[in-house]
């Protein structure tokens, strides 16, 4: 089952709904946020970040996750509580941000 998506038209900074941290900045994706699963920059058609939580779920036969388009990657993932924000940024295109709560051992 593909991850649920929320589409918005937004020009500002996108924040994780789980950590409150910015998903990215002028320097790129916030790789220090454990709730950030991936960032795909649609205008550039490039993955800005794919977390280890995502890469460990992608079957070997699917290939390198960075070679998949966003919809193909989303269809392979099953992460509890995860969601995708599809953000239309006007002239910069559509960016995709994946978020999930931090895993706990409780």
C-alpha atoms as a PDB file:
ATOM      1  CA  UNK A   1       0.000   0.000   0.000  1.00  0.00           C
ATOM      2  CA  UNK A   2       1.398   3.390  -1.000  1.00  0.00           C
ATOM      3  CA  UNK A   3       2.010   6.014   1.659  1.00  0.00           C
ATOM      4  CA  UNK A   4      -0.784   8.548   2.228  1.00  0.00           C
ATOM      5  CA  UNK A   5      -0.144  11.908   0.594  1.00  0.00           C
ATOM      6  CA  UNK A   6      -1.128  15.473   1.349  1.00  0.00           C
ATOM      7  CA  UNK A   7      -0.907  17.987  -1.464  1.00  0.00           C
ATOM      8  CA  UNK A   8      -0.345  21.698  -0.816  1.00  0.00           C
ATOM      9  CA  UNK A   9       0.617  24.811  -2.729  1.00  0.00           C
ATOM     10  CA  UNK A  10       3.251  26.461  -0.567  1.00  0.00           C
ATOM     11  CA  UNK A  11       6.298  28.648  -1.104  1.00  0.00           C
ATOM     12  CA  UNK A  12       7.806  28.647   2.387  1.00  0.00           C
ATOM     13  CA  UNK A  13       9.900  26.224   4.391  1.00  0.00           C
ATOM     14  CA  UNK A  14       8.400  22.766   4.953  1.00  0.00           C
ATOM     15  CA  UNK A  15       8.621  21.428   8.507  1.00  0.00           C
ATOM     16  CA  UNK A  16       8.296  17.892   9.811  1.00  0.00           C
ATOM     17  CA  UNK A  17       4.920  17.386  11.506  1.00  0.00           C
ATOM     18  CA  UNK A  18       6.648  15.005  13.929  1.00  0.00           C
ATOM     19  CA  UNK A  19       9.802  16.878  14.961  1.00  0.00           C
ATOM     20  CA  UNK A  20       9.041  20.468  14.010  1.00  0.00           C
ATOM     21  CA  UNK A  21      12.411  20.692  12.244  1.00  0.00           C
ATOM     22  CA  UNK A  22      12.799  22.214   8.785  1.00  0.00           C
ATOM     23  CA  UNK A  23      12.938  19.520   6.113  1.00  0.00           C
ATOM     24  CA  UNK A  24      15.535  21.412   4.129  1.00  0.00           C
ATOM     25  CA  UNK A  25      17.346  24.704   3.715  1.00  0.00           C
ATOM     26  CA  UNK A  26      19.550  26.421   1.174  1.00  0.00           C
ATOM     27  CA  UNK A  27      22.206  23.845   2.107  1.00  0.00           C
ATOM     28  CA  UNK A  28      19.974  20.878   1.207  1.00  0.00           C
ATOM     29  CA  UNK A  29      17.947  18.305   3.106  1.00  0.00           C
ATOM     30  CA  UNK A  30      18.048  18.170   6.906  1.00  0.00           C
ATOM     31  CA  UNK A  31      19.726  14.778   7.227  1.00  0.00           C
ATOM     32  CA  UNK A  32      19.890  15.182  11.016  1.00  0.00           C
ATOM     33  CA  UNK A  33      16.113  14.941  11.446  1.00  0.00           C
ATOM     34  CA  UNK A  34      15.218  11.312  12.273  1.00  0.00           C
ATOM     35  CA  UNK A  35      11.610  11.863  11.133  1.00  0.00           C
ATOM     36  CA  UNK A  36      12.629  12.858   7.591  1.00  0.00           C
ATOM     37  CA  UNK A  37      12.355   9.884   5.240  1.00  0.00           C
ATOM     38  CA  UNK A  38      13.176  11.521   1.916  1.00  0.00           C
ATOM     39  CA  UNK A  39      13.230  14.716  -0.098  1.00  0.00           C
ATOM     40  CA  UNK A  40      12.683  14.756  -3.854  1.00  0.00           C
ATOM     41  CA  UNK A  41      13.146  18.025  -5.742  1.00  0.00           C
ATOM     42  CA  UNK A  42      10.769  17.771  -8.687  1.00  0.00           C
ATOM     43  CA  UNK A  43      12.026  20.855 -10.522  1.00  0.00           C
ATOM     44  CA  UNK A  44      15.505  19.338 -10.634  1.00  0.00           C
ATOM     45  CA  UNK A  45      14.212  15.731 -10.804  1.00  0.00           C
ATOM     46  CA  UNK A  46      16.705  14.651  -8.154  1.00  0.00           C
ATOM     47  CA  UNK A  47      16.538  13.004  -4.768  1.00  0.00           C
ATOM     48  CA  UNK A  48      17.920  15.388  -2.164  1.00  0.00           C
ATOM     49  CA  UNK A  49      17.895  12.723   0.535  1.00  0.00           C
ATOM     50  CA  UNK A  50      16.757   9.159   1.152  1.00  0.00           C
ATOM     51  CA  UNK A  51      17.064   7.954   4.736  1.00  0.00           C
ATOM     52  CA  UNK A  52      18.367   4.533   5.800  1.00  0.00           C
ATOM     53  CA  UNK A  53      14.837   3.753   7.072  1.00  0.00           C
ATOM     54  CA  UNK A  54      13.704   3.916   3.448  1.00  0.00           C
ATOM     55  CA  UNK A  55      16.625   2.166   1.760  1.00  0.00           C
ATOM     56  CA  UNK A  56      16.353  -0.848   4.063  1.00  0.00           C
ATOM     57  CA  UNK A  57      12.763  -1.381   2.889  1.00  0.00           C
ATOM     58  CA  UNK A  58      13.446  -1.264  -0.840  1.00  0.00           C
ATOM     59  CA  UNK A  59      13.777  -4.797  -2.224  1.00  0.00           C
ATOM     60  CA  UNK A  60      17.025  -5.552  -4.038  1.00  0.00           C
ATOM     61  CA  UNK A  61      15.147  -6.388  -7.239  1.00  0.00           C
ATOM     62  CA  UNK A  62      13.677  -2.846  -7.282  1.00  0.00           C
ATOM     63  CA  UNK A  63      17.178  -1.442  -7.743  1.00  0.00           C
ATOM     64  CA  UNK A  64      18.764   1.645  -6.275  1.00  0.00           C
ATOM     65  CA  UNK A  65      16.112   3.818  -4.574  1.00  0.00           C
ATOM     66  CA  UNK A  66      17.660   6.922  -6.180  1.00  0.00           C
ATOM     67  CA  UNK A  67      16.849   5.475  -9.607  1.00  0.00           C
ATOM     68  CA  UNK A  68      13.124   5.229  -8.789  1.00  0.00           C
ATOM     69  CA  UNK A  69      10.628   7.985  -9.374  1.00  0.00           C
ATOM     70  CA  UNK A  70       8.709   9.182  -6.300  1.00  0.00           C
ATOM     71  CA  UNK A  71       5.530   7.179  -6.985  1.00  0.00           C
ATOM     72  CA  UNK A  72       7.526   3.975  -7.465  1.00  0.00           C
ATOM     73  CA  UNK A  73       9.361   4.510  -4.186  1.00  0.00           C
ATOM     74  CA  UNK A  74       6.195   5.360  -2.212  1.00  0.00           C
ATOM     75  CA  UNK A  75       4.536   2.165  -3.422  1.00  0.00           C
ATOM     76  CA  UNK A  76       7.343   0.057  -1.919  1.00  0.00           C
ATOM     77  CA  UNK A  77       7.211   1.556   1.582  1.00  0.00           C
ATOM     78  CA  UNK A  78       5.290   0.427   4.634  1.00  0.00           C
ATOM     79  CA  UNK A  79       6.264   2.606   7.576  1.00  0.00           C
ATOM     80  CA  UNK A  80       3.783   3.059  10.426  1.00  0.00           C
ATOM     81  CA  UNK A  81       2.506   6.619  10.619  1.00  0.00           C
ATOM     82  CA  UNK A  82       4.422   7.752   7.530  1.00  0.00           C
ATOM     83  CA  UNK A  83       3.093  10.372   5.156  1.00  0.00           C
ATOM     84  CA  UNK A  84       4.166  12.243   2.036  1.00  0.00           C
ATOM     85  CA  UNK A  85       3.782  15.981   1.554  1.00  0.00           C
ATOM     86  CA  UNK A  86       3.512  16.898  -2.126  1.00  0.00           C
ATOM     87  CA  UNK A  87       4.386  20.586  -2.260  1.00  0.00           C
ATOM     88  CA  UNK A  88       3.723  22.675  -5.375  1.00  0.00           C
ATOM     89  CA  UNK A  89       6.334  25.453  -5.251  1.00  0.00           C
ATOM     90  CA  UNK A  90       5.248  27.264  -8.425  1.00  0.00           C
ATOM     91  CA  UNK A  91       8.185  27.824 -10.771  1.00  0.00           C
ATOM     92  CA  UNK A  92      10.429  25.420  -8.789  1.00  0.00           C
ATOM     93  CA  UNK A  93       8.102  22.522  -9.533  1.00  0.00           C
ATOM     94  CA  UNK A  94       6.666  19.959  -7.161  1.00  0.00           C
ATOM     95  CA  UNK A  95       8.742  18.676  -4.244  1.00  0.00           C
ATOM     96  CA  UNK A  96       8.053  15.536  -2.230  1.00  0.00           C
ATOM     97  CA  UNK A  97       8.819  15.210   1.480  1.00  0.00           C
ATOM     98  CA  UNK A  98       8.364  11.983   3.420  1.00  0.00           C
ATOM     99  CA  UNK A  99       7.983  11.972   7.193  1.00  0.00           C
ATOM    100  CA  UNK A 100       7.354   9.331   9.853  1.00  0.00           C
ATOM    101  CA  UNK A 101       7.426   9.311  13.630  1.00  0.00           C
ATOM    102  CA  UNK A 102      10.626   8.108  15.234  1.00  0.00           C
ATOM    103  CA  UNK A 103      10.632   4.376  15.871  1.00  0.00           C
ATOM    104  CA  UNK A 104      10.612   3.377  19.528  1.00  0.00           C
ATOM    105  CA  UNK A 105      11.124   0.089  21.337  1.00  0.00           C
ATOM    106  CA  UNK A 106       8.075   0.566  23.561  1.00  0.00           C
END
